[in-house]
Structures are given as C-alpha cells and as structure tokens.
C-alpha cells in the first residue's frame, strides 16, 4: 500500500507539473508573460524538465521576468541534466559563449551536451557541432562532416552549403567537385545565398 500511495503521489506531482507547464504555454501565447513565467516556475521547481527549459527561455529573453543569462543557463542545465535535448543545446551554447578561454572542462561538458542533443535530432546542435569540428583548434573533419550531413538531411541549408565546401576542399572526404556543386545547388534552392555565390563561382 505504501508503494502504491507513493506511485500515486509521483503521478499526481507529474500531472500538476504538466498542467502548470501547459497553462504557462497558453499564457505566453496570450501575451501574459508574467503569468506564464509563474506557471513555468511552479512546474520547474517540481523537477519537470520542459518547464525548466521554459523558465530558461524566460530568463534568456526577459519574458515575464528580468533578463538574466546566468539564471537562464542554470535552468537550461537543470533541464539538460534531465535529458531535454533543446536544453542540452542551449546550455552548451551558454557554456561556449561565456566560458574563460582556457576552461577545458567547460568546453568538454559543452561538447558532450551538444553531442547528446545532436543525436536526439536537434538540427541546431548538429549544425553547430559540424562547424565546431571543422574549425576547432584540432579539426576533426570526418566527424564535422558527419554532423553537417545530419543537419543537412534535417533541412538546414547552411549545413548543406558547408557539406559542399567539404567536398570542394576535400575536408573529411575525397575531393569531388561534382558532388560539391550538387550540394551547393541544393543549399541555394533552399535559400542559402553563400551557396548561390559558390555555385556560380
């Protein structure tokens, strides 16, 4: 009975958190930012990762509360630690943008979260990792190309453009100008101006 009571209590806690988060989303859509923030915060404080991510967004953009990038990063971290893919991406970006230059621990933590988000299908994380690995201090061209191809398959035209560069310059793959041109044309058709210029060149 104790176990059953505990399970019911857990379900009730989760349902309340989901309800608060939904109320927050509806309030945000209606332009009631303070009410939205309050709802998200109530659910976030109960450990609900989607609400933790939403609180992070509120702090990052100053919606319903004052803008505070440190608090945004904290809530993104909470959600990221609970396997929320977009929070993993956002927290990694916070780490990369605001870490001291030689803080290798933060860099490694950011890359780990980016890879988790990328493997969960977050196109932004795939694109970011692709460029990161191509242009890093110790470039890993094959790994960079792998992530760029994932992002390109998910419709990211800029990643498709970068795949074209890889084929044109032989980065992580054998040089193939025809394949480079194919990728440039696809990226250009999807709206990439860089790809349009490169295809003409």
C-alpha atoms as a PDB file:
ATOM      1  CA  UNK A   1       0.000   0.000   0.000  1.00  0.00           C
ATOM      2  CA  UNK A   2       2.806   2.373   0.828  1.00  0.00           C
ATOM      3  CA  UNK A   3       4.362   1.738  -2.598  1.00  0.00           C
ATOM      4  CA  UNK A   4       1.013   2.306  -4.340  1.00  0.00           C
ATOM      5  CA  UNK A   5       0.482   5.529  -2.389  1.00  0.00           C
ATOM      6  CA  UNK A   6       3.990   6.696  -3.318  1.00  0.00           C
ATOM      7  CA  UNK A   7       3.362   5.934  -7.021  1.00  0.00           C
ATOM      8  CA  UNK A   8       0.083   7.852  -6.960  1.00  0.00           C
ATOM      9  CA  UNK A   9       1.823  10.775  -5.301  1.00  0.00           C
ATOM     10  CA  UNK A  10       4.501  10.765  -8.034  1.00  0.00           C
ATOM     11  CA  UNK A  11       1.874  10.637 -10.807  1.00  0.00           C
ATOM     12  CA  UNK A  12      -0.041  13.475  -9.174  1.00  0.00           C
ATOM     13  CA  UNK A  13       3.143  15.574  -8.928  1.00  0.00           C
ATOM     14  CA  UNK A  14       3.930  14.972 -12.612  1.00  0.00           C
ATOM     15  CA  UNK A  15       0.349  15.735 -13.690  1.00  0.00           C
ATOM     16  CA  UNK A  16       0.361  19.012 -11.720  1.00  0.00           C
ATOM     17  CA  UNK A  17       3.673  19.957 -13.341  1.00  0.00           C
ATOM     18  CA  UNK A  18       2.335  19.177 -16.813  1.00  0.00           C
ATOM     19  CA  UNK A  19      -0.788  21.246 -16.098  1.00  0.00           C
ATOM     20  CA  UNK A  20       1.275  24.230 -14.873  1.00  0.00           C
ATOM     21  CA  UNK A  21       3.517  23.997 -17.939  1.00  0.00           C
ATOM     22  CA  UNK A  22       0.505  23.906 -20.307  1.00  0.00           C
ATOM     23  CA  UNK A  23      -1.011  26.901 -18.507  1.00  0.00           C
ATOM     24  CA  UNK A  24       2.317  28.672 -18.937  1.00  0.00           C
ATOM     25  CA  UNK A  25       2.379  27.965 -22.672  1.00  0.00           C
ATOM     26  CA  UNK A  26      -1.210  29.212 -23.087  1.00  0.00           C
ATOM     27  CA  UNK A  27      -0.422  32.342 -21.049  1.00  0.00           C
ATOM     28  CA  UNK A  28       2.683  33.002 -23.153  1.00  0.00           C
ATOM     29  CA  UNK A  29       0.647  32.683 -26.369  1.00  0.00           C
ATOM     30  CA  UNK A  30      -1.892  35.154 -24.991  1.00  0.00           C
ATOM     31  CA  UNK A  31       0.893  37.620 -24.160  1.00  0.00           C
ATOM     32  CA  UNK A  32       0.543  37.228 -20.373  1.00  0.00           C
ATOM     33  CA  UNK A  33       4.260  36.793 -19.786  1.00  0.00           C
ATOM     34  CA  UNK A  34       4.339  37.207 -16.000  1.00  0.00           C
ATOM     35  CA  UNK A  35       1.604  34.609 -15.530  1.00  0.00           C
ATOM     36  CA  UNK A  36       3.430  32.296 -17.942  1.00  0.00           C
ATOM     37  CA  UNK A  37       6.691  32.676 -16.045  1.00  0.00           C
ATOM     38  CA  UNK A  38       4.944  31.946 -12.730  1.00  0.00           C
ATOM     39  CA  UNK A  39       3.367  28.762 -14.108  1.00  0.00           C
ATOM     40  CA  UNK A  40       6.613  27.572 -15.663  1.00  0.00           C
ATOM     41  CA  UNK A  41       8.497  28.262 -12.417  1.00  0.00           C
ATOM     42  CA  UNK A  42       5.992  26.284 -10.330  1.00  0.00           C
ATOM     43  CA  UNK A  43       6.379  23.276 -12.622  1.00  0.00           C
ATOM     44  CA  UNK A  44      10.155  23.710 -12.908  1.00  0.00           C
ATOM     45  CA  UNK A  45      10.554  23.715  -9.127  1.00  0.00           C
ATOM     46  CA  UNK A  46       8.821  20.310  -9.118  1.00  0.00           C
ATOM     47  CA  UNK A  47      11.552  18.975 -11.409  1.00  0.00           C
ATOM     48  CA  UNK A  48       9.651  18.998 -14.735  1.00  0.00           C
ATOM     49  CA  UNK A  49      12.302  19.361 -17.467  1.00  0.00           C
ATOM     50  CA  UNK A  50      10.053  21.003 -20.094  1.00  0.00           C
ATOM     51  CA  UNK A  51       9.141  23.717 -17.591  1.00  0.00           C
ATOM     52  CA  UNK A  52      12.784  24.123 -16.558  1.00  0.00           C
ATOM     53  CA  UNK A  53      13.614  24.732 -20.212  1.00  0.00           C
ATOM     54  CA  UNK A  54      10.764  27.261 -20.491  1.00  0.00           C
ATOM     55  CA  UNK A  55      11.978  29.114 -17.380  1.00  0.00           C
ATOM     56  CA  UNK A  56      15.408  29.248 -19.033  1.00  0.00           C
ATOM     57  CA  UNK A  57      13.825  30.814 -22.123  1.00  0.00           C
ATOM     58  CA  UNK A  58      12.000  33.369 -19.944  1.00  0.00           C
ATOM     59  CA  UNK A  59      15.270  34.419 -18.314  1.00  0.00           C
ATOM     60  CA  UNK A  60      17.188  34.441 -21.602  1.00  0.00           C
ATOM     61  CA  UNK A  61      14.664  36.681 -23.372  1.00  0.00           C
ATOM     62  CA  UNK A  62      13.340  38.668 -20.392  1.00  0.00           C
ATOM     63  CA  UNK A  63       9.771  37.401 -20.780  1.00  0.00           C
ATOM     64  CA  UNK A  64       7.727  37.668 -17.566  1.00  0.00           C
ATOM     65  CA  UNK A  65      10.863  38.292 -15.544  1.00  0.00           C
ATOM     66  CA  UNK A  66      14.035  40.331 -15.866  1.00  0.00           C
ATOM     67  CA  UNK A  67      16.630  39.113 -18.331  1.00  0.00           C
ATOM     68  CA  UNK A  68      19.306  37.086 -16.533  1.00  0.00           C
ATOM     69  CA  UNK A  69      21.638  34.894 -18.579  1.00  0.00           C
ATOM     70  CA  UNK A  70      23.147  33.193 -15.512  1.00  0.00           C
ATOM     71  CA  UNK A  71      19.706  32.079 -14.327  1.00  0.00           C
ATOM     72  CA  UNK A  72      18.828  31.047 -17.892  1.00  0.00           C
ATOM     73  CA  UNK A  73      21.948  28.873 -18.001  1.00  0.00           C
ATOM     74  CA  UNK A  74      21.072  27.372 -14.591  1.00  0.00           C
ATOM     75  CA  UNK A  75      17.582  26.328 -15.708  1.00  0.00           C
ATOM     76  CA  UNK A  76      18.882  25.060 -19.048  1.00  0.00           C
ATOM     77  CA  UNK A  77      21.377  22.982 -17.059  1.00  0.00           C
ATOM     78  CA  UNK A  78      18.609  21.506 -14.889  1.00  0.00           C
ATOM     79  CA  UNK A  79      16.576  20.550 -17.962  1.00  0.00           C
ATOM     80  CA  UNK A  80      19.669  19.330 -19.836  1.00  0.00           C
ATOM     81  CA  UNK A  81      20.577  17.092 -16.895  1.00  0.00           C
ATOM     82  CA  UNK A  82      17.060  15.630 -17.207  1.00  0.00           C
ATOM     83  CA  UNK A  83      17.774  14.755 -20.888  1.00  0.00           C
ATOM     84  CA  UNK A  84      15.854  17.644 -22.517  1.00  0.00           C
ATOM     85  CA  UNK A  85      17.585  17.839 -25.952  1.00  0.00           C
ATOM     86  CA  UNK A  86      16.942  21.515 -26.751  1.00  0.00           C
ATOM     87  CA  UNK A  87      18.058  22.475 -23.240  1.00  0.00           C
ATOM     88  CA  UNK A  88      21.237  20.465 -23.811  1.00  0.00           C
ATOM     89  CA  UNK A  89      21.878  22.535 -26.933  1.00  0.00           C
ATOM     90  CA  UNK A  90      21.097  25.873 -25.252  1.00  0.00           C
ATOM     91  CA  UNK A  91      23.143  25.090 -22.146  1.00  0.00           C
ATOM     92  CA  UNK A  92      26.105  24.042 -24.310  1.00  0.00           C
ATOM     93  CA  UNK A  93      25.865  27.348 -26.194  1.00  0.00           C
ATOM     94  CA  UNK A  94      25.837  29.228 -22.862  1.00  0.00           C
ATOM     95  CA  UNK A  95      28.962  27.357 -21.780  1.00  0.00           C
ATOM     96  CA  UNK A  96      30.769  28.012 -25.057  1.00  0.00           C
ATOM     97  CA  UNK A  97      29.856  31.699 -25.218  1.00  0.00           C
ATOM     98  CA  UNK A  98      30.648  32.600 -21.604  1.00  0.00           C
ATOM     99  CA  UNK A  99      33.496  30.317 -20.542  1.00  0.00           C
ATOM    100  CA  UNK A 100      37.035  31.569 -19.847  1.00  0.00           C
ATOM    101  CA  UNK A 101      39.345  30.977 -22.806  1.00  0.00           C
ATOM    102  CA  UNK A 102      41.302  28.020 -21.361  1.00  0.00           C
ATOM    103  CA  UNK A 103      38.489  26.347 -19.417  1.00  0.00           C
ATOM    104  CA  UNK A 104      38.762  22.880 -20.992  1.00  0.00           C
ATOM    105  CA  UNK A 105      36.327  21.294 -18.519  1.00  0.00           C
ATOM    106  CA  UNK A 106      33.521  23.619 -19.652  1.00  0.00           C
ATOM    107  CA  UNK A 107      34.446  23.005 -23.271  1.00  0.00           C
ATOM    108  CA  UNK A 108      34.279  19.225 -22.806  1.00  0.00           C
ATOM    109  CA  UNK A 109      30.968  19.470 -20.925  1.00  0.00           C
ATOM    110  CA  UNK A 110      29.547  21.669 -23.712  1.00  0.00           C
ATOM    111  CA  UNK A 111      30.647  19.230 -26.422  1.00  0.00           C
ATOM    112  CA  UNK A 112      29.102  16.302 -24.511  1.00  0.00           C
ATOM    113  CA  UNK A 113      25.754  18.101 -24.233  1.00  0.00           C
ATOM    114  CA  UNK A 114      25.921  19.173 -27.905  1.00  0.00           C
ATOM    115  CA  UNK A 115      26.548  15.585 -28.995  1.00  0.00           C
ATOM    116  CA  UNK A 116      23.622  14.333 -26.897  1.00  0.00           C
ATOM    117  CA  UNK A 117      21.346  16.981 -28.423  1.00  0.00           C
ATOM    118  CA  UNK A 118      22.616  16.231 -31.938  1.00  0.00           C
ATOM    119  CA  UNK A 119      21.985  12.503 -31.556  1.00  0.00           C
ATOM    120  CA  UNK A 120      18.476  13.308 -30.280  1.00  0.00           C
ATOM    121  CA  UNK A 121      17.830  15.048 -33.619  1.00  0.00           C
ATOM    122  CA  UNK A 122      18.285  18.735 -32.723  1.00  0.00           C
ATOM    123  CA  UNK A 123      19.309  20.237 -36.063  1.00  0.00           C
ATOM    124  CA  UNK A 124      20.869  23.343 -34.473  1.00  0.00           C
ATOM    125  CA  UNK A 125      23.180  21.138 -32.399  1.00  0.00           C
ATOM    126  CA  UNK A 126      24.140  19.067 -35.444  1.00  0.00           C
ATOM    127  CA  UNK A 127      24.975  22.179 -37.463  1.00  0.00           C
ATOM    128  CA  UNK A 128      26.899  23.783 -34.591  1.00  0.00           C
ATOM    129  CA  UNK A 129      28.940  20.616 -33.967  1.00  0.00           C
ATOM    130  CA  UNK A 130      29.680  20.206 -37.657  1.00  0.00           C
ATOM    131  CA  UNK A 131      31.257  23.649 -37.917  1.00  0.00           C
ATOM    132  CA  UNK A 132      32.865  23.281 -34.476  1.00  0.00           C
ATOM    133  CA  UNK A 133      34.679  20.102 -35.505  1.00  0.00           C
ATOM    134  CA  UNK A 134      35.730  21.524 -38.885  1.00  0.00           C
ATOM    135  CA  UNK A 135      37.115  24.779 -37.470  1.00  0.00           C
ATOM    136  CA  UNK A 136      38.257  23.720 -33.995  1.00  0.00           C
ATOM    137  CA  UNK A 137      41.763  24.010 -32.577  1.00  0.00           C
ATOM    138  CA  UNK A 138      42.256  20.354 -33.509  1.00  0.00           C
ATOM    139  CA  UNK A 139      39.949  19.870 -36.507  1.00  0.00           C
ATOM    140  CA  UNK A 140      38.164  16.526 -36.800  1.00  0.00           C
ATOM    141  CA  UNK A 141      36.970  16.813 -40.378  1.00  0.00           C
ATOM    142  CA  UNK A 142      35.223  13.430 -40.733  1.00  0.00           C
ATOM    143  CA  UNK A 143      33.293  13.968 -37.516  1.00  0.00           C
ATOM    144  CA  UNK A 144      32.395  17.509 -38.606  1.00  0.00           C
ATOM    145  CA  UNK A 145      31.133  16.259 -41.960  1.00  0.00           C
ATOM    146  CA  UNK A 146      29.040  13.572 -40.212  1.00  0.00           C
ATOM    147  CA  UNK A 147      27.166  16.189 -38.171  1.00  0.00           C
ATOM    148  CA  UNK A 148      26.800  18.573 -41.117  1.00  0.00           C
ATOM    149  CA  UNK A 149      25.235  15.770 -43.173  1.00  0.00           C
ATOM    150  CA  UNK A 150      22.767  15.048 -40.351  1.00  0.00           C
ATOM    151  CA  UNK A 151      21.771  18.727 -40.178  1.00  0.00           C
ATOM    152  CA  UNK A 152      21.548  18.957 -43.978  1.00  0.00           C
ATOM    153  CA  UNK A 153      19.229  15.925 -44.055  1.00  0.00           C
ATOM    154  CA  UNK A 154      17.061  17.745 -41.498  1.00  0.00           C
ATOM    155  CA  UNK A 155      16.702  20.659 -43.930  1.00  0.00           C
ATOM    156  CA  UNK A 156      19.408  23.072 -42.745  1.00  0.00           C
ATOM    157  CA  UNK A 157      20.556  24.867 -45.912  1.00  0.00           C
ATOM    158  CA  UNK A 158      23.664  26.392 -44.298  1.00  0.00           C
ATOM    159  CA  UNK A 159      24.856  22.920 -43.286  1.00  0.00           C
ATOM    160  CA  UNK A 160      24.217  21.707 -46.838  1.00  0.00           C
ATOM    161  CA  UNK A 161      26.426  24.617 -48.006  1.00  0.00           C
ATOM    162  CA  UNK A 162      29.187  23.534 -45.598  1.00  0.00           C
ATOM    163  CA  UNK A 163      28.912  19.955 -46.899  1.00  0.00           C
ATOM    164  CA  UNK A 164      29.567  21.418 -50.355  1.00  0.00           C
ATOM    165  CA  UNK A 165      32.710  23.115 -49.014  1.00  0.00           C
ATOM    166  CA  UNK A 166      33.859  19.776 -47.564  1.00  0.00           C
ATOM    167  CA  UNK A 167      33.532  18.125 -50.972  1.00  0.00           C
ATOM    168  CA  UNK A 168      35.128  21.059 -52.787  1.00  0.00           C
ATOM    169  CA  UNK A 169      38.148  21.200 -50.478  1.00  0.00           C
ATOM    170  CA  UNK A 170      38.403  17.522 -49.552  1.00  0.00           C
ATOM    171  CA  UNK A 171      37.672  18.018 -45.835  1.00  0.00           C
ATOM    172  CA  UNK A 172      36.853  14.664 -44.259  1.00  0.00           C
ATOM    173  CA  UNK A 173      36.020  13.209 -47.652  1.00  0.00           C
ATOM    174  CA  UNK A 174      37.700  12.714 -51.035  1.00  0.00           C
ATOM    175  CA  UNK A 175      37.611  15.903 -53.133  1.00  0.00           C
ATOM    176  CA  UNK A 176      34.687  15.792 -55.594  1.00  0.00           C
ATOM    177  CA  UNK A 177      33.704  18.997 -57.395  1.00  0.00           C
ATOM    178  CA  UNK A 178      30.574  17.494 -58.974  1.00  0.00           C
ATOM    179  CA  UNK A 179      29.313  16.438 -55.544  1.00  0.00           C
ATOM    180  CA  UNK A 180      30.240  19.864 -54.141  1.00  0.00           C
ATOM    181  CA  UNK A 181      28.210  21.560 -56.880  1.00  0.00           C
ATOM    182  CA  UNK A 182      25.228  19.262 -56.178  1.00  0.00           C
ATOM    183  CA  UNK A 183      25.240  20.290 -52.515  1.00  0.00           C
ATOM    184  CA  UNK A 184      25.686  23.975 -53.367  1.00  0.00           C
ATOM    185  CA  UNK A 185      22.701  23.839 -55.739  1.00  0.00           C
ATOM    186  CA  UNK A 186      20.520  22.120 -53.118  1.00  0.00           C
ATOM    187  CA  UNK A 187      21.528  24.688 -50.492  1.00  0.00           C
ATOM    188  CA  UNK A 188      20.942  27.542 -52.935  1.00  0.00           C
ATOM    189  CA  UNK A 189      17.468  26.202 -53.779  1.00  0.00           C
ATOM    190  CA  UNK A 190      16.727  26.180 -50.034  1.00  0.00           C
ATOM    191  CA  UNK A 191      17.721  29.853 -49.767  1.00  0.00           C
ATOM    192  CA  UNK A 192      21.438  29.919 -48.932  1.00  0.00           C
ATOM    193  CA  UNK A 193      23.000  32.988 -50.579  1.00  0.00           C
ATOM    194  CA  UNK A 194      26.514  31.745 -49.813  1.00  0.00           C
ATOM    195  CA  UNK A 195      25.705  28.587 -51.757  1.00  0.00           C
ATOM    196  CA  UNK A 196      24.303  30.612 -54.670  1.00  0.00           C
ATOM    197  CA  UNK A 197      27.580  32.558 -54.965  1.00  0.00           C
ATOM    198  CA  UNK A 198      29.680  29.412 -54.573  1.00  0.00           C
ATOM    199  CA  UNK A 199      27.667  27.500 -57.193  1.00  0.00           C
ATOM    200  CA  UNK A 200      28.114  30.356 -59.698  1.00  0.00           C
ATOM    201  CA  UNK A 201      31.845  30.522 -58.957  1.00  0.00           C
END
